[in-house]
């Protein structure tokens, strides 16, 4: 049995894709997320574009604060 999920219906989302998804669901602008998270707007844009692939825990916590979700909620559908 193959435990590799790639190539099946399961697709992993990037952090950037999840930010886009949640910002749309919650109608929150990227600017507002950055402001609430107290991180530079460029960090948000670099995550969305994929230039930053592994954000720090502090950055992730800030983004969750900006989106008003818990870390569990953020990663629940990734």
PDB file of N, CA and C in Angstrom:
ATOM      1  N   UNK A   1       0.836  -1.181   0.000  1.00  0.00           N
ATOM      2  CA  UNK A   1       0.000   0.000   0.000  1.00  0.00           C
ATOM      3  C   UNK A   1       0.879   1.241   0.000  1.00  0.00           C
ATOM      4  N   UNK A   2       0.567   2.193  -0.839  1.00  0.00           N
ATOM      5  CA  UNK A   2       1.335   3.411  -0.961  1.00  0.00           C
ATOM      6  C   UNK A   2       0.760   4.483  -0.039  1.00  0.00           C
ATOM      7  N   UNK A   3       1.568   4.992   0.888  1.00  0.00           N
ATOM      8  CA  UNK A   3       1.131   6.032   1.811  1.00  0.00           C
ATOM      9  C   UNK A   3       1.403   7.434   1.294  1.00  0.00           C
ATOM     10  N   UNK A   4       1.847   7.544   0.071  1.00  0.00           N
ATOM     11  CA  UNK A   4       2.139   8.848  -0.526  1.00  0.00           C
ATOM     12  C   UNK A   4       0.844   9.440  -1.076  1.00  0.00           C
ATOM     13  N   UNK A   5       0.426  10.576  -0.542  1.00  0.00           N
ATOM     14  CA  UNK A   5      -0.836  11.180  -0.931  1.00  0.00           C
ATOM     15  C   UNK A   5      -0.734  12.004  -2.213  1.00  0.00           C
ATOM     16  N   UNK A   6       0.445  12.348  -2.633  1.00  0.00           N
ATOM     17  CA  UNK A   6       0.573  13.145  -3.845  1.00  0.00           C
ATOM     18  C   UNK A   6       0.100  12.328  -5.041  1.00  0.00           C
ATOM     19  N   UNK A   7      -0.579  12.979  -5.945  1.00  0.00           N
ATOM     20  CA  UNK A   7      -1.088  12.285  -7.106  1.00  0.00           C
ATOM     21  C   UNK A   7      -2.489  11.731  -6.912  1.00  0.00           C
ATOM     22  N   UNK A   8      -3.039  11.912  -5.718  1.00  0.00           N
ATOM     23  CA  UNK A   8      -4.412  11.482  -5.467  1.00  0.00           C
ATOM     24  C   UNK A   8      -5.283  12.725  -5.359  1.00  0.00           C
ATOM     25  N   UNK A   9      -6.471  12.560  -4.826  1.00  0.00           N
ATOM     26  CA  UNK A   9      -7.366  13.698  -4.651  1.00  0.00           C
ATOM     27  C   UNK A   9      -6.856  14.676  -3.600  1.00  0.00           C
ATOM     28  N   UNK A  10      -5.934  14.227  -2.753  1.00  0.00           N
ATOM     29  CA  UNK A  10      -5.406  15.069  -1.692  1.00  0.00           C
ATOM     30  C   UNK A  10      -4.323  15.978  -2.257  1.00  0.00           C
ATOM     31  N   UNK A  11      -4.512  17.273  -2.102  1.00  0.00           N
ATOM     32  CA  UNK A  11      -3.517  18.241  -2.546  1.00  0.00           C
ATOM     33  C   UNK A  11      -3.147  19.131  -1.382  1.00  0.00           C
ATOM     34  N   UNK A  12      -1.873  19.236  -1.100  1.00  0.00           N
ATOM     35  CA  UNK A  12      -1.424  20.128  -0.044  1.00  0.00           C
ATOM     36  C   UNK A  12      -1.489  21.566  -0.523  1.00  0.00           C
ATOM     37  N   UNK A  13      -1.900  22.451   0.368  1.00  0.00           N
ATOM     38  CA  UNK A  13      -1.906  23.874   0.069  1.00  0.00           C
ATOM     39  C   UNK A  13      -0.659  24.493   0.684  1.00  0.00           C
ATOM     40  N   UNK A  14      -0.187  25.543   0.065  1.00  0.00           N
ATOM     41  CA  UNK A  14       0.908  26.291   0.657  1.00  0.00           C
ATOM     42  C   UNK A  14       0.336  27.263   1.681  1.00  0.00           C
ATOM     43  N   UNK A  15       1.198  27.810   2.507  1.00  0.00           N
ATOM     44  CA  UNK A  15       0.777  28.822   3.471  1.00  0.00           C
ATOM     45  C   UNK A  15       0.166  30.004   2.722  1.00  0.00           C
ATOM     46  N   UNK A  16       0.797  30.391   1.628  1.00  0.00           N
ATOM     47  CA  UNK A  16       0.275  31.505   0.832  1.00  0.00           C
ATOM     48  C   UNK A  16      -1.111  31.243   0.278  1.00  0.00           C
ATOM     49  N   UNK A  17      -1.336  30.037  -0.215  1.00  0.00           N
ATOM     50  CA  UNK A  17      -2.657  29.685  -0.736  1.00  0.00           C
ATOM     51  C   UNK A  17      -3.703  29.719   0.373  1.00  0.00           C
ATOM     52  N   UNK A  18      -3.313  29.293   1.564  1.00  0.00           N
ATOM     53  CA  UNK A  18      -4.253  29.304   2.688  1.00  0.00           C
ATOM     54  C   UNK A  18      -4.566  30.739   3.113  1.00  0.00           C
ATOM     55  N   UNK A  19      -3.575  31.625   3.059  1.00  0.00           N
ATOM     56  CA  UNK A  19      -3.818  33.035   3.364  1.00  0.00           C
ATOM     57  C   UNK A  19      -4.832  33.605   2.379  1.00  0.00           C
ATOM     58  N   UNK A  20      -4.635  33.337   1.104  1.00  0.00           N
ATOM     59  CA  UNK A  20      -5.557  33.829   0.072  1.00  0.00           C
ATOM     60  C   UNK A  20      -6.960  33.294   0.333  1.00  0.00           C
ATOM     61  N   UNK A  21      -7.057  32.008   0.572  1.00  0.00           N
ATOM     62  CA  UNK A  21      -8.350  31.367   0.810  1.00  0.00           C
ATOM     63  C   UNK A  21      -9.077  31.972   2.014  1.00  0.00           C
ATOM     64  N   UNK A  22      -8.387  32.068   3.128  1.00  0.00           N
ATOM     65  CA  UNK A  22      -9.022  32.588   4.339  1.00  0.00           C
ATOM     66  C   UNK A  22      -9.322  34.079   4.239  1.00  0.00           C
ATOM     67  N   UNK A  23      -8.457  34.829   3.576  1.00  0.00           N
ATOM     68  CA  UNK A  23      -8.722  36.268   3.439  1.00  0.00           C
ATOM     69  C   UNK A  23      -9.972  36.502   2.607  1.00  0.00           C
ATOM     70  N   UNK A  24     -10.197  35.659   1.608  1.00  0.00           N
ATOM     71  CA  UNK A  24     -11.422  35.764   0.804  1.00  0.00           C
ATOM     72  C   UNK A  24     -12.644  35.369   1.618  1.00  0.00           C
ATOM     73  N   UNK A  25     -12.538  34.251   2.336  1.00  0.00           N
ATOM     74  CA  UNK A  25     -13.662  33.781   3.159  1.00  0.00           C
ATOM     75  C   UNK A  25     -14.077  34.819   4.191  1.00  0.00           C
ATOM     76  N   UNK A  26     -13.085  35.468   4.780  1.00  0.00           N
ATOM     77  CA  UNK A  26     -13.353  36.412   5.862  1.00  0.00           C
ATOM     78  C   UNK A  26     -13.424  37.861   5.395  1.00  0.00           C
ATOM     79  N   UNK A  27     -13.245  38.080   4.098  1.00  0.00           N
ATOM     80  CA  UNK A  27     -13.273  39.431   3.516  1.00  0.00           C
ATOM     81  C   UNK A  27     -12.311  40.380   4.241  1.00  0.00           C
ATOM     82  N   UNK A  28     -11.081  39.902   4.410  1.00  0.00           N
ATOM     83  CA  UNK A  28     -10.034  40.691   5.060  1.00  0.00           C
ATOM     84  C   UNK A  28      -8.938  40.952   4.028  1.00  0.00           C
ATOM     85  N   UNK A  29      -8.541  42.205   3.902  1.00  0.00           N
ATOM     86  CA  UNK A  29      -7.490  42.543   2.939  1.00  0.00           C
ATOM     87  C   UNK A  29      -6.126  42.099   3.444  1.00  0.00           C
ATOM     88  N   UNK A  30      -5.189  41.939   2.523  1.00  0.00           N
ATOM     89  CA  UNK A  30      -3.824  41.580   2.905  1.00  0.00           C
ATOM     90  C   UNK A  30      -3.217  42.689   3.767  1.00  0.00           C
ATOM     91  N   UNK A  31      -3.543  43.931   3.438  1.00  0.00           N
ATOM     92  CA  UNK A  31      -3.063  45.054   4.235  1.00  0.00           C
ATOM     93  C   UNK A  31      -3.543  44.928   5.679  1.00  0.00           C
ATOM     94  N   UNK A  32      -4.807  44.587   5.855  1.00  0.00           N
ATOM     95  CA  UNK A  32      -5.376  44.449   7.203  1.00  0.00           C
ATOM     96  C   UNK A  32      -4.721  43.293   7.961  1.00  0.00           C
ATOM     97  N   UNK A  33      -4.465  42.195   7.267  1.00  0.00           N
ATOM     98  CA  UNK A  33      -3.787  41.057   7.895  1.00  0.00           C
ATOM     99  C   UNK A  33      -2.407  41.491   8.388  1.00  0.00           C
ATOM    100  N   UNK A  34      -1.655  42.152   7.518  1.00  0.00           N
ATOM    101  CA  UNK A  34      -0.306  42.605   7.878  1.00  0.00           C
ATOM    102  C   UNK A  34      -0.357  43.573   9.053  1.00  0.00           C
ATOM    103  N   UNK A  35      -1.325  44.471   9.031  1.00  0.00           N
ATOM    104  CA  UNK A  35      -1.457  45.451  10.110  1.00  0.00           C
ATOM    105  C   UNK A  35      -1.769  44.762  11.437  1.00  0.00           C
ATOM    106  N   UNK A  36      -2.735  43.873  11.445  1.00  0.00           N
ATOM    107  CA  UNK A  36      -3.102  43.147  12.672  1.00  0.00           C
ATOM    108  C   UNK A  36      -1.967  42.242  13.148  1.00  0.00           C
ATOM    109  N   UNK A  37      -1.230  41.685  12.189  1.00  0.00           N
ATOM    110  CA  UNK A  37      -0.141  40.760  12.512  1.00  0.00           C
ATOM    111  C   UNK A  37       1.124  41.490  12.932  1.00  0.00           C
ATOM    112  N   UNK A  38       1.174  42.788  12.656  1.00  0.00           N
ATOM    113  CA  UNK A  38       2.358  43.599  12.920  1.00  0.00           C
ATOM    114  C   UNK A  38       3.576  43.059  12.174  1.00  0.00           C
ATOM    115  N   UNK A  39       3.345  42.706  10.913  1.00  0.00           N
ATOM    116  CA  UNK A  39       4.422  42.271  10.029  1.00  0.00           C
ATOM    117  C   UNK A  39       4.352  43.089   8.748  1.00  0.00           C
ATOM    118  N   UNK A  40       5.464  43.189   8.040  1.00  0.00           N
ATOM    119  CA  UNK A  40       5.459  43.974   6.800  1.00  0.00           C
ATOM    120  C   UNK A  40       4.533  43.371   5.739  1.00  0.00           C
ATOM    121  N   UNK A  41       3.913  44.239   4.974  1.00  0.00           N
ATOM    122  CA  UNK A  41       3.061  43.798   3.862  1.00  0.00           C
ATOM    123  C   UNK A  41       3.869  42.927   2.899  1.00  0.00           C
ATOM    124  N   UNK A  42       5.153  43.234   2.742  1.00  0.00           N
ATOM    125  CA  UNK A  42       6.003  42.455   1.836  1.00  0.00           C
ATOM    126  C   UNK A  42       6.090  40.998   2.274  1.00  0.00           C
ATOM    127  N   UNK A  43       6.036  40.747   3.571  1.00  0.00           N
ATOM    128  CA  UNK A  43       6.063  39.368   4.060  1.00  0.00           C
ATOM    129  C   UNK A  43       4.820  38.618   3.600  1.00  0.00           C
ATOM    130  N   UNK A  44       3.664  39.249   3.718  1.00  0.00           N
ATOM    131  CA  UNK A  44       2.417  38.637   3.251  1.00  0.00           C
ATOM    132  C   UNK A  44       2.523  38.334   1.754  1.00  0.00           C
ATOM    133  N   UNK A  45       2.972  39.317   0.986  1.00  0.00           N
ATOM    134  CA  UNK A  45       3.059  39.147  -0.470  1.00  0.00           C
ATOM    135  C   UNK A  45       4.087  38.076  -0.839  1.00  0.00           C
ATOM    136  N   UNK A  46       5.191  38.001  -0.102  1.00  0.00           N
ATOM    137  CA  UNK A  46       6.197  36.970  -0.371  1.00  0.00           C
ATOM    138  C   UNK A  46       5.691  35.575  -0.025  1.00  0.00           C
ATOM    139  N   UNK A  47       4.858  35.466   0.988  1.00  0.00           N
ATOM    140  CA  UNK A  47       4.238  34.172   1.301  1.00  0.00           C
ATOM    141  C   UNK A  47       3.263  33.764   0.201  1.00  0.00           C
ATOM    142  N   UNK A  48       2.454  34.719  -0.245  1.00  0.00           N
ATOM    143  CA  UNK A  48       1.460  34.425  -1.283  1.00  0.00           C
ATOM    144  C   UNK A  48       2.131  34.035  -2.592  1.00  0.00           C
ATOM    145  N   UNK A  49       3.212  34.721  -2.925  1.00  0.00           N
ATOM    146  CA  UNK A  49       3.910  34.439  -4.192  1.00  0.00           C
ATOM    147  C   UNK A  49       4.779  33.188  -4.114  1.00  0.00           C
ATOM    148  N   UNK A  50       5.032  32.697  -2.908  1.00  0.00           N
ATOM    149  CA  UNK A  50       5.855  31.504  -2.746  1.00  0.00           C
ATOM    150  C   UNK A  50       7.328  31.799  -2.542  1.00  0.00           C
ATOM    151  N   UNK A  51       7.702  33.068  -2.480  1.00  0.00           N
ATOM    152  CA  UNK A  51       9.107  33.413  -2.233  1.00  0.00           C
ATOM    153  C   UNK A  51       9.532  33.013  -0.821  1.00  0.00           C
ATOM    154  N   UNK A  52       8.600  33.095   0.123  1.00  0.00           N
ATOM    155  CA  UNK A  52       8.845  32.586   1.471  1.00  0.00           C
ATOM    156  C   UNK A  52       8.045  31.297   1.592  1.00  0.00           C
ATOM    157  N   UNK A  53       8.750  30.210   1.852  1.00  0.00           N
ATOM    158  CA  UNK A  53       8.089  28.906   1.921  1.00  0.00           C
ATOM    159  C   UNK A  53       7.938  28.401   3.354  1.00  0.00           C
ATOM    160  N   UNK A  54       8.797  28.855   4.242  1.00  0.00           N
ATOM    161  CA  UNK A  54       8.796  28.369   5.619  1.00  0.00           C
ATOM    162  C   UNK A  54       8.794  29.548   6.591  1.00  0.00           C
ATOM    163  N   UNK A  55       7.637  30.142   6.825  1.00  0.00           N
ATOM    164  CA  UNK A  55       7.578  31.272   7.751  1.00  0.00           C
ATOM    165  C   UNK A  55       7.838  30.831   9.187  1.00  0.00           C
ATOM    166  N   UNK A  56       8.282  31.771   9.993  1.00  0.00           N
ATOM    167  CA  UNK A  56       8.519  31.473  11.404  1.00  0.00           C
ATOM    168  C   UNK A  56       7.190  31.291  12.125  1.00  0.00           C
ATOM    169  N   UNK A  57       7.271  30.696  13.300  1.00  0.00           N
ATOM    170  CA  UNK A  57       6.074  30.519  14.120  1.00  0.00           C
ATOM    171  C   UNK A  57       5.485  31.879  14.487  1.00  0.00           C
ATOM    172  N   UNK A  58       6.335  32.852  14.802  1.00  0.00           N
ATOM    173  CA  UNK A  58       5.841  34.192  15.126  1.00  0.00           C
ATOM    174  C   UNK A  58       5.060  34.795  13.963  1.00  0.00           C
ATOM    175  N   UNK A  59       5.568  34.615  12.746  1.00  0.00           N
ATOM    176  CA  UNK A  59       4.871  35.131  11.568  1.00  0.00           C
ATOM    177  C   UNK A  59       3.533  34.436  11.392  1.00  0.00           C
ATOM    178  N   UNK A  60       3.510  33.122  11.535  1.00  0.00           N
ATOM    179  CA  UNK A  60       2.262  32.371  11.406  1.00  0.00           C
ATOM    180  C   UNK A  60       1.248  32.775  12.464  1.00  0.00           C
ATOM    181  N   UNK A  61       1.710  32.964  13.684  1.00  0.00           N
ATOM    182  CA  UNK A  61       0.803  33.390  14.751  1.00  0.00           C
ATOM    183  C   UNK A  61       0.233  34.776  14.447  1.00  0.00           C
ATOM    184  N   UNK A  62       1.066  35.658  13.911  1.00  0.00           N
ATOM    185  CA  UNK A  62       0.600  36.987  13.540  1.00  0.00           C
ATOM    186  C   UNK A  62      -0.432  36.932  12.425  1.00  0.00           C
ATOM    187  N   UNK A  63      -0.182  36.106  11.432  1.00  0.00           N
ATOM    188  CA  UNK A  63      -1.125  35.964  10.324  1.00  0.00           C
ATOM    189  C   UNK A  63      -2.456  35.420  10.840  1.00  0.00           C
ATOM    190  N   UNK A  64      -2.387  34.450  11.727  1.00  0.00           N
ATOM    191  CA  UNK A  64      -3.621  33.916  12.316  1.00  0.00           C
ATOM    192  C   UNK A  64      -4.366  34.990  13.096  1.00  0.00           C
ATOM    193  N   UNK A  65      -3.628  35.815  13.811  1.00  0.00           N
ATOM    194  CA  UNK A  65      -4.240  36.936  14.524  1.00  0.00           C
ATOM    195  C   UNK A  65      -4.912  37.877  13.516  1.00  0.00           C
ATOM    196  N   UNK A  66      -4.226  38.144  12.424  1.00  0.00           N
ATOM    197  CA  UNK A  66      -4.774  39.016  11.386  1.00  0.00           C
ATOM    198  C   UNK A  66      -6.012  38.455  10.719  1.00  0.00           C
ATOM    199  N   UNK A  67      -6.074  37.146  10.622  1.00  0.00           N
ATOM    200  CA  UNK A  67      -7.232  36.485  10.006  1.00  0.00           C
ATOM    201  C   UNK A  67      -8.304  36.109  11.034  1.00  0.00           C
ATOM    202  N   UNK A  68      -7.968  36.303  12.300  1.00  0.00           N
ATOM    203  CA  UNK A  68      -8.855  35.935  13.402  1.00  0.00           C
ATOM    204  C   UNK A  68      -9.218  34.446  13.372  1.00  0.00           C
ATOM    205  N   UNK A  69      -8.176  33.633  13.239  1.00  0.00           N
ATOM    206  CA  UNK A  69      -8.321  32.179  13.303  1.00  0.00           C
ATOM    207  C   UNK A  69      -7.216  31.634  14.203  1.00  0.00           C
ATOM    208  N   UNK A  70      -7.418  30.442  14.714  1.00  0.00           N
ATOM    209  CA  UNK A  70      -6.374  29.780  15.494  1.00  0.00           C
ATOM    210  C   UNK A  70      -5.395  29.099  14.529  1.00  0.00           C
ATOM    211  N   UNK A  71      -4.242  28.718  15.056  1.00  0.00           N
ATOM    212  CA  UNK A  71      -3.292  27.956  14.234  1.00  0.00           C
ATOM    213  C   UNK A  71      -3.936  26.652  13.770  1.00  0.00           C
ATOM    214  N   UNK A  72      -4.715  26.020  14.651  1.00  0.00           N
ATOM    215  CA  UNK A  72      -5.404  24.775  14.273  1.00  0.00           C
ATOM    216  C   UNK A  72      -6.338  25.010  13.094  1.00  0.00           C
ATOM    217  N   UNK A  73      -7.107  26.097  13.147  1.00  0.00           N
ATOM    218  CA  UNK A  73      -8.019  26.410  12.039  1.00  0.00           C
ATOM    219  C   UNK A  73      -7.243  26.700  10.761  1.00  0.00           C
ATOM    220  N   UNK A  74      -6.131  27.425  10.895  1.00  0.00           N
ATOM    221  CA  UNK A  74      -5.340  27.770   9.722  1.00  0.00           C
ATOM    222  C   UNK A  74      -4.853  26.514   9.008  1.00  0.00           C
ATOM    223  N   UNK A  75      -4.356  25.551   9.780  1.00  0.00           N
ATOM    224  CA  UNK A  75      -3.776  24.344   9.185  1.00  0.00           C
ATOM    225  C   UNK A  75      -4.783  23.212   8.972  1.00  0.00           C
ATOM    226  N   UNK A  76      -6.001  23.383   9.429  1.00  0.00           N
ATOM    227  CA  UNK A  76      -7.000  22.309   9.346  1.00  0.00           C
ATOM    228  C   UNK A  76      -7.261  21.844   7.926  1.00  0.00           C
ATOM    229  N   UNK A  77      -7.233  22.734   6.969  1.00  0.00           N
ATOM    230  CA  UNK A  77      -7.568  22.358   5.591  1.00  0.00           C
ATOM    231  C   UNK A  77      -6.374  22.477   4.658  1.00  0.00           C
ATOM    232  N   UNK A  78      -5.218  22.215   5.185  1.00  0.00           N
ATOM    233  CA  UNK A  78      -4.017  22.234   4.352  1.00  0.00           C
ATOM    234  C   UNK A  78      -3.627  20.811   4.055  1.00  0.00           C
TER     235      UNK A  78
END
